[in-house]
Amino acid sequence: MFILKKIISTLIMPLPFLLLVGVIGLCVLWFTRRKKLASILISISLIGIFLCSFQPLTTFLLRPLEQENSAFVSTTKPISYVMVLGNDQVIDKTFPITSELSQTAIARLVEGIRIFRMYPGAKLILSGYGGIASHGISHARLMAHLAIALGVNKRDILLFESTKDTKEEAFQAADVVKDKNMILVTSASQMSRALYYFHQAGLQPIAAPTNFRASNNIRDFVPDSTYLTQMEIVEHERLGQLWQRITRLLLNSKTEHSQAEKAKHETL
């Protein structure tokens, strides 16, 4: 199920989807006489790629997502845990560790370490499994290697090495954190979706969003792959939020059905 979800979500990302539309348009052009349909499909592909890599549009869509939670400054609450959510990695022994972790993962980890050092006695939780091509090294462990290289004591690090997505990270954290205070570090665009799962797991973490990408400084009017990445982030998060709403509705429907059946039996 997890692999299927990843494959489907990848295929409907802006670039793969628009390229597929363009390829279909070319096939229609080459192998059929439906020139008008072909021109429509190819136009959709080209215009779509242009719009998805155009900063004014991508920033307009991404910035509201990132601004839903304010950047972390400090808190007077006693903090027991600082948790950094995983992202992505490659395993290549010719790379330094700072190149094996994705830029997003490094941004999250550095922010997590910065906040962790503000609260002596806290533990740093690093999460993420290794993926299919992990060579036996989990994402959490790879982040731990970098954290230790940056001066974090190994004894202060807890690893969640089997968590595949945000929901699993939240529920495993609940088993460890319990009723103690925790700061949650992840990308600003993902924070609201992550908080939903942590609240669902019974936790009330303090949000510490990082890796902000959508600046209010609009300076580029030429398409750029950087902004195509921003559009992919927007679509990924909106699809994730849609999935949350669907599962919540299904869960509520199931609960209501169970309560109705229980009431029916009690009446009988």
Protein backbone atom coordinates (compact mmCIF):
# COMPACT_ATOMS: atom_id res chain seq x y z
CA MET A 1 0.00 0.00 0.00
CA PHE A 2 2.82 2.39 0.92
CA ILE A 3 4.71 1.68 -2.34
CA LEU A 4 1.51 2.06 -4.40
CA LYS A 5 0.78 5.41 -2.72
CA LYS A 6 4.30 6.62 -3.55
CA ILE A 7 4.03 5.53 -7.21
CA ILE A 8 0.65 7.19 -7.72
CA SER A 9 1.70 10.42 -5.98
CA THR A 10 4.84 10.57 -8.15
CA LEU A 11 2.94 10.13 -11.40
CA ILE A 12 0.51 12.95 -10.65
CA MET A 13 3.21 15.44 -9.73
CA PRO A 14 3.21 18.43 -12.14
CA LEU A 15 6.25 17.58 -14.28
CA PRO A 16 5.63 13.82 -14.80
CA PHE A 17 1.92 14.43 -15.40
CA LEU A 18 2.43 17.30 -17.87
CA LEU A 19 5.17 15.42 -19.71
CA LEU A 20 2.84 12.43 -19.99
CA VAL A 21 0.13 14.68 -21.44
CA GLY A 22 2.68 16.00 -23.96
CA VAL A 23 3.79 12.48 -24.95
CA ILE A 24 0.16 11.45 -25.45
CA GLY A 25 -0.32 14.56 -27.61
CA LEU A 26 2.69 13.62 -29.76
CA CYS A 27 1.40 10.05 -30.15
CA VAL A 28 -1.99 11.39 -31.25
CA LEU A 29 -0.22 13.70 -33.71
CA TRP A 30 2.00 10.97 -35.16
CA PHE A 31 -0.37 8.02 -35.29
CA THR A 32 -3.83 9.51 -35.83
CA ARG A 33 -5.47 12.25 -37.87
CA ARG A 34 -6.85 14.06 -34.83
CA LYS A 35 -4.57 17.08 -35.19
CA LYS A 36 -6.78 19.38 -33.12
CA LEU A 37 -6.76 17.03 -30.11
CA ALA A 38 -2.98 16.64 -30.45
CA SER A 39 -2.43 20.40 -30.51
CA ILE A 40 -4.64 20.81 -27.41
CA LEU A 41 -2.73 18.16 -25.45
CA ILE A 42 0.69 19.52 -26.45
CA SER A 43 -0.42 23.07 -25.63
CA ILE A 44 -1.66 21.97 -22.19
CA SER A 45 1.72 20.30 -21.57
CA LEU A 46 3.85 23.29 -22.58
CA ILE A 47 1.69 25.97 -20.96
CA GLY A 48 1.38 23.87 -17.81
CA ILE A 49 5.15 23.42 -17.51
CA PHE A 50 5.61 27.17 -18.03
CA LEU A 51 3.09 28.09 -15.33
CA CYS A 52 4.43 25.50 -12.86
CA SER A 53 7.94 26.99 -13.13
CA PHE A 54 6.83 30.65 -12.97
CA GLN A 55 7.73 32.23 -9.61
CA PRO A 56 4.78 34.64 -9.21
CA LEU A 57 2.35 31.72 -9.47
CA THR A 58 4.29 29.15 -7.41
CA THR A 59 5.04 31.64 -4.64
CA PHE A 60 1.39 32.75 -4.57
CA LEU A 61 0.33 29.12 -4.00
CA LEU A 62 3.12 27.97 -1.66
CA ARG A 63 3.52 30.97 0.64
CA PRO A 64 0.09 30.63 2.37
CA LEU A 65 0.94 26.99 3.16
CA GLU A 66 4.28 27.96 4.70
CA GLN A 67 2.88 30.86 6.71
CA GLU A 68 0.24 28.80 8.55
CA ASN A 69 2.72 28.31 11.42
CA SER A 70 5.18 30.93 12.66
CA ALA A 71 8.91 30.24 12.88
CA PHE A 72 10.04 29.08 16.33
CA VAL A 73 11.77 31.64 18.55
CA SER A 74 11.64 30.25 22.10
CA THR A 75 9.30 28.92 24.77
CA THR A 76 9.29 29.06 28.55
CA LYS A 77 7.95 25.51 28.80
CA PRO A 78 10.38 22.78 29.89
CA ILE A 79 11.28 20.88 26.73
CA SER A 80 12.08 17.17 26.90
CA TYR A 81 12.27 16.33 23.19
CA VAL A 82 13.06 18.00 19.89
CA MET A 83 11.90 15.83 16.98
CA VAL A 84 13.13 16.22 13.41
CA LEU A 85 11.05 14.55 10.71
CA GLY A 86 12.87 12.65 7.97
CA ASN A 87 13.01 13.50 4.28
CA ASP A 88 15.29 11.97 1.64
CA GLN A 89 18.78 10.63 1.07
CA VAL A 90 21.14 8.90 -1.33
CA ILE A 91 23.83 6.43 -0.32
CA ASP A 92 27.06 7.05 -2.21
CA LYS A 93 30.38 6.48 -0.51
CA THR A 94 32.08 8.98 -2.81
CA PHE A 95 29.90 11.74 -1.29
CA PRO A 96 30.46 13.53 2.02
CA ILE A 97 27.57 13.01 4.43
CA THR A 98 26.30 16.54 3.71
CA SER A 99 25.67 15.46 0.10
CA GLU A 100 24.03 12.15 0.98
CA LEU A 101 21.23 13.93 2.84
CA SER A 102 18.82 16.05 0.81
CA GLN A 103 18.92 19.82 1.23
CA THR A 104 15.52 19.61 2.90
CA ALA A 105 16.78 17.02 5.40
CA ILE A 106 19.83 19.17 6.22
CA ALA A 107 17.69 22.28 6.72
CA ARG A 108 15.43 20.38 9.13
CA LEU A 109 18.35 18.81 11.00
CA VAL A 110 20.28 22.07 11.42
CA GLU A 111 17.16 23.79 12.76
CA GLY A 112 16.55 20.85 15.08
CA ILE A 113 20.10 21.02 16.45
CA ARG A 114 19.83 24.79 16.90
CA ILE A 115 16.67 24.40 18.98
CA PHE A 116 17.97 21.32 20.82
CA ARG A 117 20.95 23.33 22.10
CA MET A 118 18.57 25.90 23.60
CA TYR A 119 17.20 23.30 26.06
CA PRO A 120 19.84 21.42 28.10
CA GLY A 121 18.63 17.99 29.09
CA ALA A 122 16.39 17.54 26.06
CA LYS A 123 16.68 14.59 23.69
CA LEU A 124 16.94 14.89 19.91
CA ILE A 125 14.61 12.51 18.04
CA LEU A 126 15.54 11.74 14.43
CA SER A 127 13.17 9.74 12.26
CA GLY A 128 12.96 8.06 8.88
CA TYR A 129 13.51 4.65 7.33
CA GLY A 130 16.10 4.14 4.62
CA GLY A 131 13.92 3.52 1.59
CA ILE A 132 14.33 0.75 -0.96
CA ALA A 133 17.95 1.56 -1.87
CA SER A 134 19.17 2.29 1.65
CA HIS A 135 22.06 -0.22 1.76
CA GLY A 136 20.99 -0.96 5.33
CA ILE A 137 21.37 2.63 6.54
CA SER A 138 18.21 4.34 7.74
CA HIS A 139 17.57 8.02 7.11
CA ALA A 140 17.40 8.59 10.87
CA ARG A 141 20.85 7.04 11.36
CA LEU A 142 22.36 9.06 8.54
CA MET A 143 21.04 12.25 10.14
CA ALA A 144 22.46 11.06 13.47
CA HIS A 145 25.91 10.70 11.89
CA LEU A 146 25.78 14.32 10.76
CA ALA A 147 24.36 15.51 14.09
CA ILE A 148 27.24 13.83 15.94
CA ALA A 149 29.73 15.36 13.50
CA LEU A 150 28.20 18.74 14.36
CA GLY A 151 28.76 18.20 18.07
CA VAL A 152 25.61 16.51 19.37
CA ASN A 153 26.30 13.87 22.02
CA LYS A 154 25.35 10.39 20.80
CA ARG A 155 23.61 9.68 24.14
CA ASP A 156 21.20 12.56 23.49
CA ILE A 157 19.89 11.12 20.20
CA LEU A 158 16.88 8.80 19.81
CA LEU A 159 16.29 7.10 16.45
CA PHE A 160 12.99 6.10 14.84
CA GLU A 161 14.36 3.97 12.02
CA SER A 162 11.24 2.14 10.85
CA THR A 163 8.85 5.05 10.28
CA LYS A 164 7.86 5.36 6.61
CA ASP A 165 5.61 8.41 6.72
CA THR A 166 4.45 11.25 8.95
CA LYS A 167 1.60 9.30 10.50
CA GLU A 168 3.91 6.50 11.62
CA GLU A 169 6.36 9.08 12.99
CA ALA A 170 3.59 10.70 15.04
CA PHE A 171 2.31 7.50 16.61
CA GLN A 172 5.80 6.20 17.43
CA ALA A 173 6.60 9.56 19.02
CA ALA A 174 3.47 9.26 21.17
CA ASP A 175 4.84 6.05 22.70
CA VAL A 176 8.04 7.83 23.74
CA VAL A 177 7.03 11.42 24.49
CA LYS A 178 3.78 10.66 26.35
CA ASP A 179 2.78 13.75 28.38
CA LYS A 180 6.10 15.62 28.11
CA ASN A 181 6.70 18.73 26.01
CA MET A 182 8.12 18.32 22.52
CA ILE A 183 9.15 20.66 19.73
CA LEU A 184 8.43 19.39 16.22
CA VAL A 185 10.76 20.39 13.38
CA THR A 186 9.82 19.90 9.73
CA SER A 187 9.43 21.91 6.54
CA ALA A 188 7.10 24.88 6.81
CA SER A 189 4.93 23.55 3.98
CA GLN A 190 4.45 20.20 5.76
CA MET A 191 3.94 21.48 9.29
CA SER A 192 0.13 21.76 9.35
CA ARG A 193 -0.28 18.26 7.89
CA ALA A 194 2.26 16.88 10.37
CA LEU A 195 0.53 18.55 13.33
CA TYR A 196 -2.74 16.89 12.34
CA TYR A 197 -1.18 13.43 12.75
CA PHE A 198 0.57 14.34 16.01
CA HIS A 199 -2.69 15.69 17.44
CA GLN A 200 -4.38 12.51 16.26
CA ALA A 201 -1.74 10.54 18.17
CA GLY A 202 -2.54 12.49 21.34
CA LEU A 203 0.43 14.89 21.30
CA GLN A 204 0.48 18.70 21.32
CA PRO A 205 3.94 19.54 19.95
CA ILE A 206 5.25 23.07 19.59
CA ALA A 207 5.68 23.83 15.89
CA ALA A 208 9.13 24.81 14.61
CA PRO A 209 8.77 25.13 10.82
CA THR A 210 11.89 25.50 8.71
CA ASN A 211 13.04 25.21 5.09
CA PHE A 212 10.87 28.12 3.96
CA ARG A 213 11.01 28.45 0.17
CA ALA A 214 8.37 30.99 -0.87
CA SER A 215 9.79 34.45 -0.24
CA ASN A 216 7.61 37.52 -0.64
CA ASN A 217 10.38 38.93 -2.82
CA ILE A 218 9.18 38.24 -6.39
CA ARG A 219 12.23 38.74 -8.59
CA ASP A 220 12.11 36.09 -11.33
CA PHE A 221 9.75 36.22 -14.28
CA VAL A 222 11.61 33.62 -16.32
CA PRO A 223 10.64 29.95 -15.77
CA ASP A 224 13.07 28.09 -13.53
CA SER A 225 13.25 24.53 -12.22
CA THR A 226 13.49 25.90 -8.67
CA TYR A 227 9.90 27.06 -8.89
CA LEU A 228 8.81 23.82 -10.48
CA THR A 229 9.96 22.21 -7.23
CA GLN A 230 7.81 24.69 -5.31
CA MET A 231 4.76 23.65 -7.34
CA GLU A 232 5.51 19.98 -6.61
CA ILE A 233 5.61 20.81 -2.90
CA VAL A 234 2.23 22.58 -3.16
CA GLU A 235 0.63 19.63 -4.95
CA HIS A 236 2.18 17.08 -2.59
CA GLU A 237 0.90 18.89 0.49
CA ARG A 238 -2.56 19.59 -0.95
CA LEU A 239 -2.93 15.93 -1.90
CA GLY A 240 -1.76 14.95 1.59
CA GLN A 241 -4.34 17.24 3.18
CA LEU A 242 -7.04 15.87 0.86
CA TRP A 243 -6.12 12.34 1.93
CA GLN A 244 -6.39 13.41 5.57
CA ARG A 245 -9.89 14.78 4.99
CA ILE A 246 -10.98 11.63 3.15
CA THR A 247 -9.68 9.31 5.87
CA ARG A 248 -11.27 11.52 8.56
CA LEU A 249 -14.64 11.36 6.81
CA LEU A 250 -14.36 7.59 6.40
CA LEU A 251 -13.40 7.20 10.05
CA ASN A 252 -16.31 9.40 11.19
CA SER A 253 -18.70 7.48 8.96
CA LYS A 254 -17.46 4.17 10.36
CA THR A 255 -17.80 5.46 13.93
CA GLU A 256 -21.33 6.72 13.31
CA HIS A 257 -22.29 3.40 11.73
CA SER A 258 -20.90 1.49 14.71
CA GLN A 259 -22.76 3.71 17.16
CA ALA A 260 -25.99 3.28 15.19
CA GLU A 261 -25.60 -0.50 15.18
CA LYS A 262 -24.88 -0.47 18.91
CA ALA A 263 -27.98 1.65 19.61
CA LYS A 264 -30.07 -0.66 17.44
CA HIS A 265 -28.96 -3.75 19.37
CA GLU A 266 -29.55 -2.01 22.71
CA THR A 267 -33.10 -1.10 21.59
CA LEU A 268 -33.79 -4.69 20.61
